[in-house]
Amino acid sequence: MIKNSPLLEVNALKKHFPIHGGLLGQTTAKVYAVDGVTFSIDRGETLSLVGESGCGKSTVGRAILRLFDLTDGEVYLDGERIDNMRASRLRSMRQRMQVVFQDPFSSLNPRMKVRDILAEPLRNFGVVKGHKALTARIEDLMDTVRLPRDAINRFPHEFSGGQRQRIGIARALAPGADLIICDEAVSALDVSVKAQIINLLGDLQQELGLALLFISHDLATVEHLTHRVAVMYLGKIVELADRRSLFSATRHPYTLALLSAVPVPDPTAKRQRMILTGDVPSPINPPSGCRFHTRCPFAFDRCRVEEPVLRPGGAEGHLAACHLDELPTRKVLPAAA
């Protein structure tokens, strides 16, 4: 992992979706999908963004890609601000950031052969010129994702789910991206295929120096791929740390609950489970104070009225938004496993 200025910087990112109602279609409420998210990703680094469904993690990925305008905040790619960039300039920047979606079948045009699917971004960004160079680049991409070259003349429905996801990865690599956002890229795959795709992404990162934003709801999936983990709950990051610190010295109760739900290889192993009660609150009307206090077994009065901020503690770079850190005698969270 190369250590210098971050490739991607996200500062206080907010995305609120208006809810319209009434005869005149006035804004009656807002969905606070993402509400003040800050992180960075270095070149050659993987940051995993994890949390339950509906926490806003996929919205973060789409906001970075500028698939919609931000409510507030800033996004920088290689030091250049892109959240307010004009469409004409943004087009060239999009060559450097690509996405791999969750469903490999619906994200590929069923009427196009693999050759045409991979040729499309190459032509759009003018990466290669001439039929011979185009074919050579497509064949190189097939080699890169470990698929046979002769498969370029087949349609997406002729491949398995894992193979289709490899095609999706090849398409993301085609324009020469520095950053790839993997939005639940392995959640629709079988366990064995999932492991193969994760290994492939790890190999490609080593070979090409890619930066990855790996969005997932499953901490077990990201454990062997990531360098750092950011845990989201109801639109906010509640804990951010390197992989070792997060899994061995958890500082936020929500992260602990996610970890305690991860299956362990030894069924006889004893572990303390942390079962969360109640449902995730609505992002239309999030709770006051700490947004997790309605489900947290360690909550006290301050949690209900004052919103915690991300604070350093423990290992270097380990941040957590929890009032437990400020108690005179910090309450020690039980081990997840």
C-alpha atoms as a PDB file:
ATOM      1  CA  MET A   1       0.000   0.000   0.000  1.00  0.00           C
ATOM      2  CA  ILE A   2       1.516   3.301  -1.134  1.00  0.00           C
ATOM      3  CA  LYS A   3       1.504   5.966   1.552  1.00  0.00           C
ATOM      4  CA  ASN A   4       1.180   9.546   0.257  1.00  0.00           C
ATOM      5  CA  SER A   5      -1.691  11.965  -0.351  1.00  0.00           C
ATOM      6  CA  PRO A   6      -5.092  10.221  -0.457  1.00  0.00           C
ATOM      7  CA  LEU A   7      -6.563   9.347  -3.829  1.00  0.00           C
ATOM      8  CA  LEU A   8     -10.119   9.953  -2.590  1.00  0.00           C
ATOM      9  CA  GLU A   9     -11.225  12.384   0.124  1.00  0.00           C
ATOM     10  CA  VAL A  10     -14.822  12.667   1.295  1.00  0.00           C
ATOM     11  CA  ASN A  11     -15.584  15.534   3.677  1.00  0.00           C
ATOM     12  CA  ALA A  12     -18.878  15.917   5.600  1.00  0.00           C
ATOM     13  CA  LEU A  13     -20.872  14.284   2.804  1.00  0.00           C
ATOM     14  CA  LYS A  14     -24.643  14.672   3.071  1.00  0.00           C
ATOM     15  CA  LYS A  15     -27.439  13.391   0.863  1.00  0.00           C
ATOM     16  CA  HIS A  16     -31.020  14.133   1.886  1.00  0.00           C
ATOM     17  CA  PHE A  17     -33.823  12.992  -0.394  1.00  0.00           C
ATOM     18  CA  PRO A  18     -36.958  15.180  -0.294  1.00  0.00           C
ATOM     19  CA  ILE A  19     -40.385  13.599   0.129  1.00  0.00           C
ATOM     20  CA  HIS A  20     -43.080  15.412  -1.807  1.00  0.00           C
ATOM     21  CA  GLY A  21     -46.769  15.457  -0.957  1.00  0.00           C
ATOM     22  CA  GLY A  22     -49.926  17.522  -1.150  1.00  0.00           C
ATOM     23  CA  LEU A  23     -51.656  18.943  -4.202  1.00  0.00           C
ATOM     24  CA  LEU A  24     -48.736  21.203  -5.085  1.00  0.00           C
ATOM     25  CA  GLY A  25     -46.060  18.600  -4.468  1.00  0.00           C
ATOM     26  CA  GLN A  26     -44.394  20.474  -1.630  1.00  0.00           C
ATOM     27  CA  THR A  27     -41.493  18.966   0.281  1.00  0.00           C
ATOM     28  CA  THR A  28     -43.134  17.488   3.367  1.00  0.00           C
ATOM     29  CA  ALA A  29     -40.141  15.632   4.817  1.00  0.00           C
ATOM     30  CA  LYS A  30     -36.630  14.452   4.044  1.00  0.00           C
ATOM     31  CA  VAL A  31     -34.870  11.097   4.078  1.00  0.00           C
ATOM     32  CA  TYR A  32     -31.511  11.626   5.806  1.00  0.00           C
ATOM     33  CA  ALA A  33     -29.799   8.881   3.825  1.00  0.00           C
ATOM     34  CA  VAL A  34     -26.260  10.142   4.417  1.00  0.00           C
ATOM     35  CA  ASP A  35     -25.717  12.769   7.077  1.00  0.00           C
ATOM     36  CA  GLY A  36     -22.129  13.901   7.467  1.00  0.00           C
ATOM     37  CA  VAL A  37     -19.697  11.186   6.339  1.00  0.00           C
ATOM     38  CA  THR A  38     -15.946  11.791   6.206  1.00  0.00           C
ATOM     39  CA  PHE A  39     -13.191   9.391   5.139  1.00  0.00           C
ATOM     40  CA  SER A  40     -10.280   9.024   2.727  1.00  0.00           C
ATOM     41  CA  ILE A  41      -8.771   6.231   0.651  1.00  0.00           C
ATOM     42  CA  ASP A  42      -5.105   5.988  -0.276  1.00  0.00           C
ATOM     43  CA  ARG A  43      -3.797   4.677  -3.561  1.00  0.00           C
ATOM     44  CA  GLY A  44      -3.646   0.895  -3.458  1.00  0.00           C
ATOM     45  CA  GLU A  45      -5.842   0.748  -0.348  1.00  0.00           C
ATOM     46  CA  THR A  46      -9.158  -0.968   0.309  1.00  0.00           C
ATOM     47  CA  LEU A  47     -11.641   0.758   2.597  1.00  0.00           C
ATOM     48  CA  SER A  48     -14.704  -1.327   3.422  1.00  0.00           C
ATOM     49  CA  LEU A  49     -17.958   0.463   4.184  1.00  0.00           C
ATOM     50  CA  VAL A  50     -20.217  -1.859   6.167  1.00  0.00           C
ATOM     51  CA  GLY A  51     -23.571  -1.717   7.900  1.00  0.00           C
ATOM     52  CA  GLU A  52     -27.121  -3.012   7.831  1.00  0.00           C
ATOM     53  CA  SER A  53     -29.346  -2.550   4.791  1.00  0.00           C
ATOM     54  CA  GLY A  54     -30.642   1.009   4.617  1.00  0.00           C
ATOM     55  CA  CYS A  55     -27.760   2.600   6.530  1.00  0.00           C
ATOM     56  CA  GLY A  56     -26.746   4.725   3.529  1.00  0.00           C
ATOM     57  CA  LYS A  57     -23.582   2.971   2.397  1.00  0.00           C
ATOM     58  CA  SER A  58     -24.668   2.482  -1.236  1.00  0.00           C
ATOM     59  CA  THR A  59     -25.812   6.109  -1.340  1.00  0.00           C
ATOM     60  CA  VAL A  60     -22.271   7.130  -0.376  1.00  0.00           C
ATOM     61  CA  GLY A  61     -20.900   5.182  -3.342  1.00  0.00           C
ATOM     62  CA  ARG A  62     -23.382   6.703  -5.767  1.00  0.00           C
ATOM     63  CA  ALA A  63     -22.712  10.195  -4.421  1.00  0.00           C
ATOM     64  CA  ILE A  64     -18.981   9.806  -5.019  1.00  0.00           C
ATOM     65  CA  LEU A  65     -19.716   8.730  -8.589  1.00  0.00           C
ATOM     66  CA  ARG A  66     -21.921  11.830  -8.987  1.00  0.00           C
ATOM     67  CA  LEU A  67     -24.945   9.778 -10.004  1.00  0.00           C
ATOM     68  CA  PHE A  68     -26.865  12.531  -8.216  1.00  0.00           C
ATOM     69  CA  ASP A  69     -25.991  15.908  -6.706  1.00  0.00           C
ATOM     70  CA  LEU A  70     -24.954  16.187  -3.065  1.00  0.00           C
ATOM     71  CA  THR A  71     -26.940  18.002  -0.411  1.00  0.00           C
ATOM     72  CA  ASP A  72     -23.709  19.154   1.209  1.00  0.00           C
ATOM     73  CA  GLY A  73     -20.088  18.185   1.599  1.00  0.00           C
ATOM     74  CA  GLU A  74     -17.059  17.823  -0.630  1.00  0.00           C
ATOM     75  CA  VAL A  75     -15.498  15.012  -2.670  1.00  0.00           C
ATOM     76  CA  TYR A  76     -11.915  15.185  -3.963  1.00  0.00           C
ATOM     77  CA  LEU A  77     -10.275  12.793  -6.418  1.00  0.00           C
ATOM     78  CA  ASP A  78      -6.493  13.062  -6.459  1.00  0.00           C
ATOM     79  CA  GLY A  79      -6.724  16.512  -4.899  1.00  0.00           C
ATOM     80  CA  GLU A  80      -9.287  17.866  -7.380  1.00  0.00           C
ATOM     81  CA  ARG A  81     -12.795  18.668  -6.174  1.00  0.00           C
ATOM     82  CA  ILE A  82     -15.385  16.757  -8.202  1.00  0.00           C
ATOM     83  CA  ASP A  83     -18.693  17.244  -6.359  1.00  0.00           C
ATOM     84  CA  ASN A  84     -19.298  20.618  -8.036  1.00  0.00           C
ATOM     85  CA  MET A  85     -17.494  19.876 -11.285  1.00  0.00           C
ATOM     86  CA  ARG A  86     -19.167  20.675 -14.608  1.00  0.00           C
ATOM     87  CA  ALA A  87     -20.468  17.721 -16.606  1.00  0.00           C
ATOM     88  CA  SER A  88     -17.996  18.299 -19.436  1.00  0.00           C
ATOM     89  CA  ARG A  89     -15.019  18.077 -17.058  1.00  0.00           C
ATOM     90  CA  LEU A  90     -16.547  15.333 -14.954  1.00  0.00           C
ATOM     91  CA  ARG A  91     -16.688  13.001 -17.949  1.00  0.00           C
ATOM     92  CA  SER A  92     -12.897  12.703 -18.086  1.00  0.00           C
ATOM     93  CA  MET A  93     -12.697  12.236 -14.302  1.00  0.00           C
ATOM     94  CA  ARG A  94     -15.170   9.363 -14.492  1.00  0.00           C
ATOM     95  CA  GLN A  95     -12.576   7.435 -16.457  1.00  0.00           C
ATOM     96  CA  ARG A  96     -10.635   7.208 -13.207  1.00  0.00           C
ATOM     97  CA  MET A  97     -13.484   5.948 -11.006  1.00  0.00           C
ATOM     98  CA  GLN A  98     -15.640   3.003 -11.987  1.00  0.00           C
ATOM     99  CA  VAL A  99     -18.196   0.765 -10.266  1.00  0.00           C
ATOM    100  CA  VAL A 100     -18.991  -2.940  -9.977  1.00  0.00           C
ATOM    101  CA  PHE A 101     -22.645  -3.464  -9.109  1.00  0.00           C
ATOM    102  CA  GLN A 102     -24.323  -6.094  -6.948  1.00  0.00           C
ATOM    103  CA  ASP A 103     -26.230  -8.034  -9.609  1.00  0.00           C
ATOM    104  CA  PRO A 104     -23.863  -9.085 -12.403  1.00  0.00           C
ATOM    105  CA  PHE A 105     -26.745 -10.056 -14.685  1.00  0.00           C
ATOM    106  CA  SER A 106     -28.855  -6.897 -14.575  1.00  0.00           C
ATOM    107  CA  SER A 107     -25.764  -4.669 -14.858  1.00  0.00           C
ATOM    108  CA  LEU A 108     -24.793  -6.205 -18.221  1.00  0.00           C
ATOM    109  CA  ASN A 109     -26.747  -5.545 -21.411  1.00  0.00           C
ATOM    110  CA  PRO A 110     -28.245  -8.958 -22.361  1.00  0.00           C
ATOM    111  CA  ARG A 111     -28.307  -7.990 -26.045  1.00  0.00           C
ATOM    112  CA  MET A 112     -24.600  -7.243 -26.248  1.00  0.00           C
ATOM    113  CA  LYS A 113     -21.776  -9.749 -26.581  1.00  0.00           C
ATOM    114  CA  VAL A 114     -18.888  -9.520 -24.141  1.00  0.00           C
ATOM    115  CA  ARG A 115     -16.739  -8.019 -26.886  1.00  0.00           C
ATOM    116  CA  ASP A 116     -19.145  -5.081 -27.235  1.00  0.00           C
ATOM    117  CA  ILE A 117     -19.629  -4.694 -23.471  1.00  0.00           C
ATOM    118  CA  LEU A 118     -15.885  -4.252 -22.957  1.00  0.00           C
ATOM    119  CA  ALA A 119     -15.405  -2.201 -26.122  1.00  0.00           C
ATOM    120  CA  GLU A 120     -17.979   0.392 -25.067  1.00  0.00           C
ATOM    121  CA  PRO A 121     -15.925   2.131 -22.314  1.00  0.00           C
ATOM    122  CA  LEU A 122     -12.766   1.832 -24.418  1.00  0.00           C
ATOM    123  CA  ARG A 123     -14.456   3.730 -27.251  1.00  0.00           C
ATOM    124  CA  ASN A 124     -16.237   6.211 -24.962  1.00  0.00           C
ATOM    125  CA  PHE A 125     -13.000   7.349 -23.343  1.00  0.00           C
ATOM    126  CA  GLY A 126     -10.817   6.959 -26.432  1.00  0.00           C
ATOM    127  CA  VAL A 127      -8.496   4.504 -24.674  1.00  0.00           C
ATOM    128  CA  VAL A 128      -7.531   2.678 -27.881  1.00  0.00           C
ATOM    129  CA  LYS A 129      -7.908   3.372 -31.585  1.00  0.00           C
ATOM    130  CA  GLY A 130      -8.278   0.899 -34.404  1.00  0.00           C
ATOM    131  CA  HIS A 131      -9.912  -2.509 -34.546  1.00  0.00           C
ATOM    132  CA  LYS A 132      -6.716  -4.460 -33.952  1.00  0.00           C
ATOM    133  CA  ALA A 133      -5.724  -2.479 -30.855  1.00  0.00           C
ATOM    134  CA  LEU A 134      -9.297  -2.697 -29.549  1.00  0.00           C
ATOM    135  CA  THR A 135      -9.376  -6.476 -29.881  1.00  0.00           C
ATOM    136  CA  ALA A 136      -5.976  -6.815 -28.235  1.00  0.00           C
ATOM    137  CA  ARG A 137      -7.095  -4.679 -25.269  1.00  0.00           C
ATOM    138  CA  ILE A 138     -10.305  -6.708 -24.866  1.00  0.00           C
ATOM    139  CA  GLU A 139      -8.347  -9.962 -24.879  1.00  0.00           C
ATOM    140  CA  ASP A 140      -5.948  -8.536 -22.288  1.00  0.00           C
ATOM    141  CA  LEU A 141      -8.914  -7.666 -20.065  1.00  0.00           C
ATOM    142  CA  MET A 142     -10.227 -11.224 -20.358  1.00  0.00           C
ATOM    143  CA  ASP A 143      -6.804 -12.522 -19.314  1.00  0.00           C
ATOM    144  CA  THR A 144      -6.743 -10.097 -16.397  1.00  0.00           C
ATOM    145  CA  VAL A 145     -10.023 -11.395 -14.939  1.00  0.00           C
ATOM    146  CA  ARG A 146      -9.115 -15.043 -15.673  1.00  0.00           C
ATOM    147  CA  LEU A 147     -11.660 -15.717 -18.435  1.00  0.00           C
ATOM    148  CA  PRO A 148     -10.938 -17.450 -21.771  1.00  0.00           C
ATOM    149  CA  ARG A 149     -10.381 -15.118 -24.700  1.00  0.00           C
ATOM    150  CA  ASP A 150     -12.807 -16.950 -26.962  1.00  0.00           C
ATOM    151  CA  ALA A 151     -15.636 -16.082 -24.563  1.00  0.00           C
ATOM    152  CA  ILE A 152     -15.778 -12.525 -25.949  1.00  0.00           C
ATOM    153  CA  ASN A 153     -18.251 -13.688 -28.585  1.00  0.00           C
ATOM    154  CA  ARG A 154     -20.767 -14.987 -26.040  1.00  0.00           C
ATOM    155  CA  PHE A 155     -23.733 -13.227 -24.436  1.00  0.00           C
ATOM    156  CA  PRO A 156     -24.068 -12.600 -20.652  1.00  0.00           C
ATOM    157  CA  HIS A 157     -26.726 -15.307 -20.185  1.00  0.00           C
ATOM    158  CA  GLU A 158     -24.185 -17.912 -21.332  1.00  0.00           C
ATOM    159  CA  PHE A 159     -22.028 -17.326 -18.241  1.00  0.00           C
ATOM    160  CA  SER A 160     -22.367 -18.269 -14.582  1.00  0.00           C
ATOM    161  CA  GLY A 161     -22.919 -15.589 -11.930  1.00  0.00           C
ATOM    162  CA  GLY A 162     -19.261 -15.517 -10.952  1.00  0.00           C
ATOM    163  CA  GLN A 163     -18.152 -15.270 -14.581  1.00  0.00           C
ATOM    164  CA  ARG A 164     -20.576 -12.410 -15.200  1.00  0.00           C
ATOM    165  CA  GLN A 165     -19.145 -10.571 -12.230  1.00  0.00           C
ATOM    166  CA  ARG A 166     -15.664 -11.038 -13.708  1.00  0.00           C
ATOM    167  CA  ILE A 167     -16.970  -9.399 -16.881  1.00  0.00           C
ATOM    168  CA  GLY A 168     -18.286  -6.533 -14.755  1.00  0.00           C
ATOM    169  CA  ILE A 169     -14.849  -6.159 -13.174  1.00  0.00           C
ATOM    170  CA  ALA A 170     -13.197  -6.225 -16.609  1.00  0.00           C
ATOM    171  CA  ARG A 171     -15.548  -3.463 -17.770  1.00  0.00           C
ATOM    172  CA  ALA A 172     -14.594  -1.365 -14.721  1.00  0.00           C
ATOM    173  CA  LEU A 173     -10.902  -1.893 -15.464  1.00  0.00           C
ATOM    174  CA  ALA A 174     -11.246  -1.107 -19.179  1.00  0.00           C
ATOM    175  CA  PRO A 175     -10.806   2.701 -19.081  1.00  0.00           C
ATOM    176  CA  GLY A 176      -7.853   2.449 -16.662  1.00  0.00           C
ATOM    177  CA  ALA A 177      -9.585   3.379 -13.406  1.00  0.00           C
ATOM    178  CA  ASP A 178      -7.632   4.284 -10.253  1.00  0.00           C
ATOM    179  CA  LEU A 179     -10.643   3.791  -7.964  1.00  0.00           C
ATOM    180  CA  ILE A 180     -13.255   1.039  -8.171  1.00  0.00           C
ATOM    181  CA  ILE A 181     -16.388   1.159  -6.040  1.00  0.00           C
ATOM    182  CA  CYS A 182     -17.657  -2.363  -5.365  1.00  0.00           C
ATOM    183  CA  ASP A 183     -21.296  -1.994  -4.336  1.00  0.00           C
ATOM    184  CA  GLU A 184     -22.210  -5.326  -2.691  1.00  0.00           C
ATOM    185  CA  ALA A 185     -20.230  -6.890  -5.534  1.00  0.00           C
ATOM    186  CA  VAL A 186     -20.176 -10.411  -4.063  1.00  0.00           C
ATOM    187  CA  SER A 187     -23.386 -10.555  -2.000  1.00  0.00           C
ATOM    188  CA  ALA A 188     -25.375 -12.264  -4.798  1.00  0.00           C
ATOM    189  CA  LEU A 189     -22.788 -15.034  -5.307  1.00  0.00           C
ATOM    190  CA  ASP A 190     -22.376 -18.488  -3.797  1.00  0.00           C
ATOM    191  CA  VAL A 191     -19.842 -18.822  -0.988  1.00  0.00           C
ATOM    192  CA  SER A 192     -17.117 -20.512  -3.035  1.00  0.00           C
ATOM    193  CA  VAL A 193     -17.560 -18.121  -5.965  1.00  0.00           C
ATOM    194  CA  LYS A 194     -17.576 -15.193  -3.550  1.00  0.00           C
ATOM    195  CA  ALA A 195     -14.150 -16.233  -2.274  1.00  0.00           C
ATOM    196  CA  GLN A 196     -12.814 -16.452  -5.831  1.00  0.00           C
ATOM    197  CA  ILE A 197     -13.992 -12.938  -6.685  1.00  0.00           C
ATOM    198  CA  ILE A 198     -12.533 -11.533  -3.453  1.00  0.00           C
ATOM    199  CA  ASN A 199      -9.199 -13.216  -4.236  1.00  0.00           C
ATOM    200  CA  LEU A 200      -9.340 -11.811  -7.767  1.00  0.00           C
ATOM    201  CA  LEU A 201      -9.925  -8.271  -6.483  1.00  0.00           C
ATOM    202  CA  GLY A 202      -7.010  -8.674  -4.077  1.00  0.00           C
ATOM    203  CA  ASP A 203      -4.731  -9.881  -6.875  1.00  0.00           C
ATOM    204  CA  LEU A 204      -5.783  -7.038  -9.170  1.00  0.00           C
ATOM    205  CA  GLN A 205      -5.123  -4.514  -6.441  1.00  0.00           C
ATOM    206  CA  GLN A 206      -1.584  -5.836  -6.046  1.00  0.00           C
ATOM    207  CA  GLU A 207      -0.979  -5.933  -9.793  1.00  0.00           C
ATOM    208  CA  LEU A 208      -2.531  -2.597 -10.752  1.00  0.00           C
ATOM    209  CA  GLY A 209      -2.336  -0.534  -7.555  1.00  0.00           C
ATOM    210  CA  LEU A 210      -6.107  -0.023  -7.450  1.00  0.00           C
ATOM    211  CA  ALA A 211      -7.936   1.753  -4.662  1.00  0.00           C
ATOM    212  CA  LEU A 212     -11.159  -0.004  -3.678  1.00  0.00           C
ATOM    213  CA  LEU A 213     -14.235   1.209  -1.823  1.00  0.00           C
ATOM    214  CA  PHE A 214     -15.814  -2.106  -0.890  1.00  0.00           C
ATOM    215  CA  ILE A 215     -19.429  -1.703   0.204  1.00  0.00           C
ATOM    216  CA  SER A 216     -20.880  -4.672   2.084  1.00  0.00           C
ATOM    217  CA  HIS A 217     -23.296  -5.620   4.854  1.00  0.00           C
ATOM    218  CA  ASP A 218     -21.109  -8.572   5.904  1.00  0.00           C
ATOM    219  CA  LEU A 219     -18.026  -8.065   8.067  1.00  0.00           C
ATOM    220  CA  ALA A 220     -16.923 -11.658   7.465  1.00  0.00           C
ATOM    221  CA  THR A 221     -16.718 -10.963   3.740  1.00  0.00           C
ATOM    222  CA  VAL A 222     -14.468  -7.925   4.077  1.00  0.00           C
ATOM    223  CA  GLU A 223     -12.119  -9.272   6.744  1.00  0.00           C
ATOM    224  CA  HIS A 224      -9.595 -10.836   4.363  1.00  0.00           C
ATOM    225  CA  LEU A 225      -9.747  -8.132   1.681  1.00  0.00           C
ATOM    226  CA  THR A 226      -9.717  -4.801   3.450  1.00  0.00           C
ATOM    227  CA  HIS A 227      -7.073  -2.545   4.958  1.00  0.00           C
ATOM    228  CA  ARG A 228      -9.499  -0.364   6.901  1.00  0.00           C
ATOM    229  CA  VAL A 229     -13.184  -0.588   7.823  1.00  0.00           C
ATOM    230  CA  ALA A 230     -15.774   2.167   8.256  1.00  0.00           C
ATOM    231  CA  VAL A 231     -18.974   1.078  10.028  1.00  0.00           C
ATOM    232  CA  MET A 232     -22.150   3.004   9.165  1.00  0.00           C
ATOM    233  CA  TYR A 233     -25.385   3.273  11.083  1.00  0.00           C
ATOM    234  CA  LEU A 234     -28.369   5.345   9.947  1.00  0.00           C
ATOM    235  CA  GLY A 235     -26.402   7.682   7.677  1.00  0.00           C
ATOM    236  CA  LYS A 236     -23.339   8.173   9.872  1.00  0.00           C
ATOM    237  CA  ILE A 237     -19.979   6.489  10.387  1.00  0.00           C
ATOM    238  CA  VAL A 238     -19.837   5.241  13.978  1.00  0.00           C
ATOM    239  CA  GLU A 239     -16.418   3.550  13.884  1.00  0.00           C
ATOM    240  CA  LEU A 240     -13.421   3.637  11.564  1.00  0.00           C
ATOM    241  CA  ALA A 241     -10.233   1.669  12.073  1.00  0.00           C
ATOM    242  CA  ASP A 242      -7.687  -0.559  10.439  1.00  0.00           C
ATOM    243  CA  ARG A 243      -8.736  -4.184  10.083  1.00  0.00           C
ATOM    244  CA  ARG A 244      -6.722  -5.532  13.011  1.00  0.00           C
ATOM    245  CA  SER A 245      -7.917  -2.878  15.467  1.00  0.00           C
ATOM    246  CA  LEU A 246     -11.556  -3.115  14.467  1.00  0.00           C
ATOM    247  CA  PHE A 247     -11.757  -6.879  14.806  1.00  0.00           C
ATOM    248  CA  SER A 248      -9.650  -7.192  17.970  1.00  0.00           C
ATOM    249  CA  ALA A 249     -10.416  -3.991  19.900  1.00  0.00           C
ATOM    250  CA  THR A 250     -13.951  -2.933  18.989  1.00  0.00           C
ATOM    251  CA  ARG A 251     -14.957   0.422  20.481  1.00  0.00           C
ATOM    252  CA  HIS A 252     -18.569   0.888  19.350  1.00  0.00           C
ATOM    253  CA  PRO A 253     -21.470  -1.325  20.518  1.00  0.00           C
ATOM    254  CA  TYR A 254     -22.969  -1.456  17.017  1.00  0.00           C
ATOM    255  CA  THR A 255     -19.743  -2.818  15.551  1.00  0.00           C
ATOM    256  CA  LEU A 256     -19.672  -5.353  18.367  1.00  0.00           C
ATOM    257  CA  ALA A 257     -23.184  -6.494  17.455  1.00  0.00           C
ATOM    258  CA  LEU A 258     -22.199  -6.925  13.803  1.00  0.00           C
ATOM    259  CA  LEU A 259     -19.114  -8.910  14.765  1.00  0.00           C
ATOM    260  CA  SER A 260     -21.011 -11.133  17.182  1.00  0.00           C
ATOM    261  CA  ALA A 261     -23.351 -12.137  14.354  1.00  0.00           C
ATOM    262  CA  VAL A 262     -20.501 -13.416  12.159  1.00  0.00           C
ATOM    263  CA  PRO A 263     -20.500 -17.245  12.043  1.00  0.00           C
ATOM    264  CA  VAL A 264     -17.379 -18.922  13.432  1.00  0.00           C
ATOM    265  CA  PRO A 265     -15.764 -22.036  11.888  1.00  0.00           C
ATOM    266  CA  ASP A 266     -15.867 -23.981  15.180  1.00  0.00           C
ATOM    267  CA  PRO A 267     -19.494 -24.561  16.258  1.00  0.00           C
ATOM    268  CA  THR A 268     -18.343 -25.580  19.741  1.00  0.00           C
ATOM    269  CA  ALA A 269     -16.505 -22.315  20.361  1.00  0.00           C
ATOM    270  CA  LYS A 270     -17.968 -20.183  23.123  1.00  0.00           C
ATOM    271  CA  ARG A 271     -18.763 -16.592  22.330  1.00  0.00           C
ATOM    272  CA  GLN A 272     -20.859 -13.833  23.813  1.00  0.00           C
ATOM    273  CA  ARG A 273     -23.624 -12.813  21.428  1.00  0.00           C
ATOM    274  CA  MET A 274     -25.001  -9.297  21.431  1.00  0.00           C
ATOM    275  CA  ILE A 275     -28.578  -9.373  20.191  1.00  0.00           C
ATOM    276  CA  LEU A 276     -29.984  -6.016  19.136  1.00  0.00           C
ATOM    277  CA  THR A 277     -33.609  -5.362  20.010  1.00  0.00           C
ATOM    278  CA  GLY A 278     -36.053  -3.283  18.005  1.00  0.00           C
ATOM    279  CA  ASP A 279     -35.932  -2.136  14.408  1.00  0.00           C
ATOM    280  CA  VAL A 280     -33.637   0.367  12.755  1.00  0.00           C
ATOM    281  CA  PRO A 281     -35.243   3.820  13.217  1.00  0.00           C
ATOM    282  CA  SER A 282     -36.580   5.629  10.178  1.00  0.00           C
ATOM    283  CA  PRO A 283     -34.052   7.848   8.350  1.00  0.00           C
ATOM    284  CA  ILE A 284     -36.933  10.309   7.872  1.00  0.00           C
ATOM    285  CA  ASN A 285     -37.033  11.002  11.604  1.00  0.00           C
ATOM    286  CA  PRO A 286     -33.762   9.763  13.150  1.00  0.00           C
ATOM    287  CA  PRO A 287     -33.477   9.693  16.963  1.00  0.00           C
ATOM    288  CA  SER A 288     -32.003  12.612  18.841  1.00  0.00           C
ATOM    289  CA  GLY A 289     -28.585  12.234  20.406  1.00  0.00           C
ATOM    290  CA  CYS A 290     -26.776   9.064  19.398  1.00  0.00           C
ATOM    291  CA  ARG A 291     -28.776   7.451  16.610  1.00  0.00           C
ATOM    292  CA  PHE A 292     -27.971   4.013  17.985  1.00  0.00           C
ATOM    293  CA  HIS A 293     -29.207   4.666  21.532  1.00  0.00           C
ATOM    294  CA  THR A 294     -32.667   3.158  20.882  1.00  0.00           C
ATOM    295  CA  ARG A 295     -31.063  -0.269  20.371  1.00  0.00           C
ATOM    296  CA  CYS A 296     -27.878   0.001  22.446  1.00  0.00           C
ATOM    297  CA  PRO A 297     -27.716  -2.075  25.664  1.00  0.00           C
ATOM    298  CA  PHE A 298     -25.101   0.318  27.110  1.00  0.00           C
ATOM    299  CA  ALA A 299     -26.976   3.596  26.487  1.00  0.00           C
ATOM    300  CA  PHE A 300     -27.245   6.145  29.310  1.00  0.00           C
ATOM    301  CA  ASP A 301     -28.870   9.566  29.631  1.00  0.00           C
ATOM    302  CA  ARG A 302     -26.270  11.518  27.667  1.00  0.00           C
ATOM    303  CA  CYS A 303     -26.686   9.205  24.664  1.00  0.00           C
ATOM    304  CA  ARG A 304     -30.327  10.256  24.312  1.00  0.00           C
ATOM    305  CA  VAL A 305     -29.688  13.997  24.071  1.00  0.00           C
ATOM    306  CA  GLU A 306     -26.151  14.603  22.744  1.00  0.00           C
ATOM    307  CA  GLU A 307     -24.851  13.323  19.440  1.00  0.00           C
ATOM    308  CA  PRO A 308     -21.359  11.797  19.770  1.00  0.00           C
ATOM    309  CA  VAL A 309     -18.612  12.705  17.312  1.00  0.00           C
ATOM    310  CA  LEU A 310     -15.854  10.499  15.935  1.00  0.00           C
ATOM    311  CA  ARG A 311     -12.953  10.630  18.380  1.00  0.00           C
ATOM    312  CA  PRO A 312      -9.548   8.940  18.304  1.00  0.00           C
ATOM    313  CA  GLY A 313      -8.721   6.288  20.864  1.00  0.00           C
ATOM    314  CA  GLY A 314      -6.837   3.030  21.129  1.00  0.00           C
ATOM    315  CA  ALA A 315      -4.649   2.300  18.107  1.00  0.00           C
ATOM    316  CA  GLU A 316      -3.544   5.097  15.785  1.00  0.00           C
ATOM    317  CA  GLY A 317      -6.295   6.047  13.366  1.00  0.00           C
ATOM    318  CA  HIS A 318      -9.006   4.225  15.339  1.00  0.00           C
ATOM    319  CA  LEU A 319     -12.062   6.500  15.571  1.00  0.00           C
ATOM    320  CA  ALA A 320     -15.379   5.847  17.290  1.00  0.00           C
ATOM    321  CA  ALA A 321     -18.484   7.948  17.926  1.00  0.00           C
ATOM    322  CA  CYS A 322     -19.515   6.725  21.363  1.00  0.00           C
ATOM    323  CA  HIS A 323     -20.007   8.488  24.711  1.00  0.00           C
ATOM    324  CA  LEU A 324     -18.716   5.385  26.508  1.00  0.00           C
ATOM    325  CA  ASP A 325     -15.210   6.549  25.591  1.00  0.00           C
ATOM    326  CA  GLU A 326     -15.596   9.620  27.798  1.00  0.00           C
ATOM    327  CA  LEU A 327     -16.775   7.960  30.972  1.00  0.00           C
ATOM    328  CA  PRO A 328     -14.321   8.370  33.910  1.00  0.00           C
ATOM    329  CA  THR A 329     -13.912   4.609  33.903  1.00  0.00           C
ATOM    330  CA  ARG A 330     -14.605   3.516  30.360  1.00  0.00           C
ATOM    331  CA  LYS A 331     -17.036   0.635  30.134  1.00  0.00           C
ATOM    332  CA  VAL A 332     -15.178  -2.276  28.533  1.00  0.00           C
ATOM    333  CA  LEU A 333     -17.139  -3.889  25.755  1.00  0.00           C
ATOM    334  CA  PRO A 334     -17.162  -7.687  25.783  1.00  0.00           C
ATOM    335  CA  ALA A 335     -15.135  -9.516  23.156  1.00  0.00           C
ATOM    336  CA  ALA A 336     -17.003 -10.408  19.970  1.00  0.00           C
ATOM    337  CA  ALA A 337     -15.568 -13.888  19.814  1.00  0.00           C
END
